[in-house]
Amino acid sequence: MSDIIWSIILIVGLFGWVASTLVFIFKAFPELGRFEVQQARKWGLVVAVSFVVWIVGLLNA
């Protein structure tokens, strides 16, 4: 039963990582030549956390 839970955590982490990376790209770089530091920090943290969730899910599934 716990493998199913870890598999769900793995999938959520993967989709979260991919989605947050796309949001990071579009929010941190809203136009050519401009970089939003505040948005990059916020979404960069979300990218890192979701990546860690994905890896932990991989290790435990």
PDB file of N, CA and C in Angstrom:
ATOM      1  N   MET A   1       0.818  -1.205   0.000  1.00  0.00           N
ATOM      2  CA  MET A   1       0.000   0.000   0.000  1.00  0.00           C
ATOM      3  C   MET A   1       0.853   1.256   0.000  1.00  0.00           C
ATOM      4  N   SER A   2       1.975   1.218   0.708  1.00  0.00           N
ATOM      5  CA  SER A   2       2.795   2.419   0.778  1.00  0.00           C
ATOM      6  C   SER A   2       3.464   2.729  -0.565  1.00  0.00           C
ATOM      7  N   ASP A   3       3.686   1.696  -1.396  1.00  0.00           N
ATOM      8  CA  ASP A   3       4.255   1.946  -2.719  1.00  0.00           C
ATOM      9  C   ASP A   3       3.314   2.778  -3.578  1.00  0.00           C
ATOM     10  N   ILE A   4       2.022   2.586  -3.412  1.00  0.00           N
ATOM     11  CA  ILE A   4       1.042   3.365  -4.171  1.00  0.00           C
ATOM     12  C   ILE A   4       1.089   4.828  -3.744  1.00  0.00           C
ATOM     13  N   ILE A   5       1.199   5.053  -2.455  1.00  0.00           N
ATOM     14  CA  ILE A   5       1.267   6.427  -1.953  1.00  0.00           C
ATOM     15  C   ILE A   5       2.534   7.117  -2.450  1.00  0.00           C
ATOM     16  N   TRP A   6       3.673   6.409  -2.390  1.00  0.00           N
ATOM     17  CA  TRP A   6       4.920   6.997  -2.884  1.00  0.00           C
ATOM     18  C   TRP A   6       4.871   7.223  -4.391  1.00  0.00           C
ATOM     19  N   SER A   7       4.179   6.362  -5.109  1.00  0.00           N
ATOM     20  CA  SER A   7       4.030   6.552  -6.554  1.00  0.00           C
ATOM     21  C   SER A   7       3.200   7.793  -6.863  1.00  0.00           C
ATOM     22  N   ILE A   8       2.167   8.025  -6.070  1.00  0.00           N
ATOM     23  CA  ILE A   8       1.362   9.238  -6.248  1.00  0.00           C
ATOM     24  C   ILE A   8       2.193  10.478  -5.930  1.00  0.00           C
ATOM     25  N   ILE A   9       2.986  10.411  -4.849  1.00  0.00           N
ATOM     26  CA  ILE A   9       3.871  11.528  -4.498  1.00  0.00           C
ATOM     27  C   ILE A   9       4.870  11.779  -5.624  1.00  0.00           C
ATOM     28  N   LEU A  10       5.394  10.699  -6.202  1.00  0.00           N
ATOM     29  CA  LEU A  10       6.330  10.801  -7.323  1.00  0.00           C
ATOM     30  C   LEU A  10       5.697  11.525  -8.507  1.00  0.00           C
ATOM     31  N   ILE A  11       4.490  11.144  -8.871  1.00  0.00           N
ATOM     32  CA  ILE A  11       3.813  11.753 -10.026  1.00  0.00           C
ATOM     33  C   ILE A  11       3.483  13.216  -9.751  1.00  0.00           C
ATOM     34  N   VAL A  12       3.011  13.503  -8.544  1.00  0.00           N
ATOM     35  CA  VAL A  12       2.712  14.898  -8.182  1.00  0.00           C
ATOM     36  C   VAL A  12       3.982  15.738  -8.227  1.00  0.00           C
ATOM     37  N   GLY A  13       5.087  15.189  -7.715  1.00  0.00           N
ATOM     38  CA  GLY A  13       6.361  15.903  -7.747  1.00  0.00           C
ATOM     39  C   GLY A  13       6.847  16.160  -9.161  1.00  0.00           C
ATOM     40  N   LEU A  14       6.695  15.173 -10.038  1.00  0.00           N
ATOM     41  CA  LEU A  14       7.123  15.335 -11.428  1.00  0.00           C
ATOM     42  C   LEU A  14       6.313  16.413 -12.138  1.00  0.00           C
ATOM     43  N   PHE A  15       4.977  16.320 -12.022  1.00  0.00           N
ATOM     44  CA  PHE A  15       4.139  17.322 -12.674  1.00  0.00           C
ATOM     45  C   PHE A  15       4.346  18.701 -12.061  1.00  0.00           C
ATOM     46  N   GLY A  16       4.552  18.746 -10.756  1.00  0.00           N
ATOM     47  CA  GLY A  16       4.831  20.020 -10.095  1.00  0.00           C
ATOM     48  C   GLY A  16       6.137  20.624 -10.561  1.00  0.00           C
ATOM     49  N   TRP A  17       7.144  19.774 -10.749  1.00  0.00           N
ATOM     50  CA  TRP A  17       8.441  20.251 -11.204  1.00  0.00           C
ATOM     51  C   TRP A  17       8.363  20.804 -12.631  1.00  0.00           C
ATOM     52  N   VAL A  18       7.700  20.069 -13.508  1.00  0.00           N
ATOM     53  CA  VAL A  18       7.574  20.522 -14.895  1.00  0.00           C
ATOM     54  C   VAL A  18       6.749  21.805 -14.976  1.00  0.00           C
ATOM     55  N   ALA A  19       5.614  21.831 -14.291  1.00  0.00           N
ATOM     56  CA  ALA A  19       4.743  23.013 -14.331  1.00  0.00           C
ATOM     57  C   ALA A  19       5.417  24.227 -13.710  1.00  0.00           C
ATOM     58  N   SER A  20       6.074  24.045 -12.576  1.00  0.00           N
ATOM     59  CA  SER A  20       6.720  25.192 -11.932  1.00  0.00           C
ATOM     60  C   SER A  20       7.921  25.692 -12.731  1.00  0.00           C
ATOM     61  N   THR A  21       8.584  24.805 -13.455  1.00  0.00           N
ATOM     62  CA  THR A  21       9.683  25.248 -14.322  1.00  0.00           C
ATOM     63  C   THR A  21       9.157  26.117 -15.454  1.00  0.00           C
ATOM     64  N   LEU A  22       8.048  25.722 -16.036  1.00  0.00           N
ATOM     65  CA  LEU A  22       7.446  26.549 -17.093  1.00  0.00           C
ATOM     66  C   LEU A  22       6.983  27.891 -16.554  1.00  0.00           C
ATOM     67  N   VAL A  23       6.351  27.887 -15.383  1.00  0.00           N
ATOM     68  CA  VAL A  23       5.912  29.144 -14.776  1.00  0.00           C
ATOM     69  C   VAL A  23       7.117  30.010 -14.444  1.00  0.00           C
ATOM     70  N   PHE A  24       8.191  29.401 -13.939  1.00  0.00           N
ATOM     71  CA  PHE A  24       9.423  30.141 -13.651  1.00  0.00           C
ATOM     72  C   PHE A  24       9.936  30.853 -14.895  1.00  0.00           C
ATOM     73  N   ILE A  25       9.969  30.147 -16.001  1.00  0.00           N
ATOM     74  CA  ILE A  25      10.482  30.733 -17.242  1.00  0.00           C
ATOM     75  C   ILE A  25       9.647  31.938 -17.657  1.00  0.00           C
ATOM     76  N   PHE A  26       8.341  31.804 -17.608  1.00  0.00           N
ATOM     77  CA  PHE A  26       7.473  32.888 -18.076  1.00  0.00           C
ATOM     78  C   PHE A  26       7.348  34.037 -17.081  1.00  0.00           C
ATOM     79  N   LYS A  27       7.475  33.764 -15.794  1.00  0.00           N
ATOM     80  CA  LYS A  27       7.368  34.828 -14.788  1.00  0.00           C
ATOM     81  C   LYS A  27       8.691  35.549 -14.567  1.00  0.00           C
ATOM     82  N   ALA A  28       9.797  34.817 -14.567  1.00  0.00           N
ATOM     83  CA  ALA A  28      11.102  35.433 -14.312  1.00  0.00           C
ATOM     84  C   ALA A  28      11.603  36.208 -15.525  1.00  0.00           C
ATOM     85  N   PHE A  29      11.191  35.809 -16.713  1.00  0.00           N
ATOM     86  CA  PHE A  29      11.601  36.484 -17.945  1.00  0.00           C
ATOM     87  C   PHE A  29      10.359  36.942 -18.697  1.00  0.00           C
ATOM     88  N   PRO A  30       9.695  38.003 -18.223  1.00  0.00           N
ATOM     89  CA  PRO A  30       8.432  38.411 -18.844  1.00  0.00           C
ATOM     90  C   PRO A  30       8.591  38.966 -20.258  1.00  0.00           C
ATOM     91  N   GLU A  31       9.733  39.534 -20.554  1.00  0.00           N
ATOM     92  CA  GLU A  31       9.999  40.021 -21.914  1.00  0.00           C
ATOM     93  C   GLU A  31      11.486  39.926 -22.180  1.00  0.00           C
ATOM     94  N   LEU A  32      11.858  40.063 -23.412  1.00  0.00           N
ATOM     95  CA  LEU A  32      13.248  39.916 -23.815  1.00  0.00           C
ATOM     96  C   LEU A  32      14.124  40.957 -23.120  1.00  0.00           C
ATOM     97  N   GLY A  33      15.176  40.507 -22.459  1.00  0.00           N
ATOM     98  CA  GLY A  33      16.123  41.401 -21.819  1.00  0.00           C
ATOM     99  C   GLY A  33      15.736  41.861 -20.424  1.00  0.00           C
ATOM    100  N   ARG A  34      14.655  41.328 -19.883  1.00  0.00           N
ATOM    101  CA  ARG A  34      14.218  41.728 -18.538  1.00  0.00           C
ATOM    102  C   ARG A  34      14.141  40.507 -17.632  1.00  0.00           C
ATOM    103  N   PHE A  35      14.647  40.660 -16.401  1.00  0.00           N
ATOM    104  CA  PHE A  35      14.665  39.575 -15.433  1.00  0.00           C
ATOM    105  C   PHE A  35      14.046  40.059 -14.136  1.00  0.00           C
ATOM    106  N   GLU A  36      13.010  39.364 -13.675  1.00  0.00           N
ATOM    107  CA  GLU A  36      12.319  39.717 -12.436  1.00  0.00           C
ATOM    108  C   GLU A  36      12.884  38.866 -11.293  1.00  0.00           C
ATOM    109  N   VAL A  37      13.678  39.496 -10.425  1.00  0.00           N
ATOM    110  CA  VAL A  37      14.364  38.772  -9.354  1.00  0.00           C
ATOM    111  C   VAL A  37      13.364  38.201  -8.342  1.00  0.00           C
ATOM    112  N   GLN A  38      12.383  38.982  -7.945  1.00  0.00           N
ATOM    113  CA  GLN A  38      11.394  38.537  -6.945  1.00  0.00           C
ATOM    114  C   GLN A  38      10.646  37.295  -7.433  1.00  0.00           C
ATOM    115  N   GLN A  39      10.176  37.328  -8.661  1.00  0.00           N
ATOM    116  CA  GLN A  39       9.459  36.178  -9.222  1.00  0.00           C
ATOM    117  C   GLN A  39      10.395  34.974  -9.385  1.00  0.00           C
ATOM    118  N   ALA A  40      11.647  35.239  -9.762  1.00  0.00           N
ATOM    119  CA  ALA A  40      12.609  34.151  -9.945  1.00  0.00           C
ATOM    120  C   ALA A  40      12.897  33.447  -8.622  1.00  0.00           C
ATOM    121  N   ARG A  41      13.020  34.199  -7.549  1.00  0.00           N
ATOM    122  CA  ARG A  41      13.260  33.586  -6.241  1.00  0.00           C
ATOM    123  C   ARG A  41      12.075  32.732  -5.812  1.00  0.00           C
ATOM    124  N   LYS A  42      10.877  33.279  -5.953  1.00  0.00           N
ATOM    125  CA  LYS A  42       9.677  32.566  -5.530  1.00  0.00           C
ATOM    126  C   LYS A  42       9.495  31.276  -6.330  1.00  0.00           C
ATOM    127  N   TRP A  43       9.522  31.378  -7.632  1.00  0.00           N
ATOM    128  CA  TRP A  43       9.287  30.200  -8.462  1.00  0.00           C
ATOM    129  C   TRP A  43      10.487  29.264  -8.480  1.00  0.00           C
ATOM    130  N   GLY A  44      11.680  29.796  -8.286  1.00  0.00           N
ATOM    131  CA  GLY A  44      12.860  28.938  -8.173  1.00  0.00           C
ATOM    132  C   GLY A  44      12.780  28.046  -6.952  1.00  0.00           C
ATOM    133  N   LEU A  45      12.255  28.587  -5.852  1.00  0.00           N
ATOM    134  CA  LEU A  45      12.054  27.787  -4.649  1.00  0.00           C
ATOM    135  C   LEU A  45      11.015  26.693  -4.893  1.00  0.00           C
ATOM    136  N   VAL A  46       9.945  27.030  -5.591  1.00  0.00           N
ATOM    137  CA  VAL A  46       8.924  26.025  -5.915  1.00  0.00           C
ATOM    138  C   VAL A  46       9.505  24.937  -6.807  1.00  0.00           C
ATOM    139  N   VAL A  47      10.333  25.316  -7.769  1.00  0.00           N
ATOM    140  CA  VAL A  47      10.996  24.333  -8.640  1.00  0.00           C
ATOM    141  C   VAL A  47      11.863  23.394  -7.807  1.00  0.00           C
ATOM    142  N   ALA A  48      12.660  23.954  -6.899  1.00  0.00           N
ATOM    143  CA  ALA A  48      13.558  23.139  -6.079  1.00  0.00           C
ATOM    144  C   ALA A  48      12.787  22.189  -5.163  1.00  0.00           C
ATOM    145  N   VAL A  49      11.732  22.678  -4.529  1.00  0.00           N
ATOM    146  CA  VAL A  49      10.950  21.836  -3.613  1.00  0.00           C
ATOM    147  C   VAL A  49      10.259  20.710  -4.382  1.00  0.00           C
ATOM    148  N   SER A  50       9.664  21.024  -5.514  1.00  0.00           N
ATOM    149  CA  SER A  50       8.983  19.981  -6.279  1.00  0.00           C
ATOM    150  C   SER A  50       9.978  18.965  -6.849  1.00  0.00           C
ATOM    151  N   PHE A  51      11.188  19.408  -7.173  1.00  0.00           N
ATOM    152  CA  PHE A  51      12.223  18.484  -7.631  1.00  0.00           C
ATOM    153  C   PHE A  51      12.605  17.519  -6.509  1.00  0.00           C
ATOM    154  N   VAL A  52      12.765  18.052  -5.301  1.00  0.00           N
ATOM    155  CA  VAL A  52      13.100  17.208  -4.152  1.00  0.00           C
ATOM    156  C   VAL A  52      11.974  16.211  -3.871  1.00  0.00           C
ATOM    157  N   VAL A  53      10.720  16.654  -3.968  1.00  0.00           N
ATOM    158  CA  VAL A  53       9.579  15.757  -3.767  1.00  0.00           C
ATOM    159  C   VAL A  53       9.609  14.631  -4.804  1.00  0.00           C
ATOM    160  N   TRP A  54       9.913  14.979  -6.038  1.00  0.00           N
ATOM    161  CA  TRP A  54       9.986  13.975  -7.100  1.00  0.00           C
ATOM    162  C   TRP A  54      11.087  12.952  -6.816  1.00  0.00           C
ATOM    163  N   ILE A  55      12.274  13.415  -6.416  1.00  0.00           N
ATOM    164  CA  ILE A  55      13.386  12.514  -6.150  1.00  0.00           C
ATOM    165  C   ILE A  55      13.088  11.623  -4.943  1.00  0.00           C
ATOM    166  N   VAL A  56      12.518  12.181  -3.898  1.00  0.00           N
ATOM    167  CA  VAL A  56      12.160  11.383  -2.721  1.00  0.00           C
ATOM    168  C   VAL A  56      11.124  10.326  -3.108  1.00  0.00           C
ATOM    169  N   GLY A  57      10.174  10.701  -3.946  1.00  0.00           N
ATOM    170  CA  GLY A  57       9.205   9.731  -4.441  1.00  0.00           C
ATOM    171  C   GLY A  57       9.852   8.621  -5.250  1.00  0.00           C
ATOM    172  N   LEU A  58      10.840   8.986  -6.070  1.00  0.00           N
ATOM    173  CA  LEU A  58      11.558   7.973  -6.849  1.00  0.00           C
ATOM    174  C   LEU A  58      12.299   6.996  -5.949  1.00  0.00           C
ATOM    175  N   LEU A  59      12.917   7.512  -4.911  1.00  0.00           N
ATOM    176  CA  LEU A  59      13.700   6.665  -4.027  1.00  0.00           C
ATOM    177  C   LEU A  59      12.833   5.726  -3.185  1.00  0.00           C
ATOM    178  N   ASN A  60      11.606   6.115  -2.908  1.00  0.00           N
ATOM    179  CA  ASN A  60      10.756   5.324  -2.016  1.00  0.00           C
ATOM    180  C   ASN A  60       9.679   4.507  -2.720  1.00  0.00           C
ATOM    181  N   ALA A  61       9.458   4.750  -4.001  1.00  0.00           N
ATOM    182  CA  ALA A  61       8.377   4.023  -4.704  1.00  0.00           C
ATOM    183  C   ALA A  61       8.809   2.601  -5.039  1.00  0.00           C
TER     184      ALA A  61
END
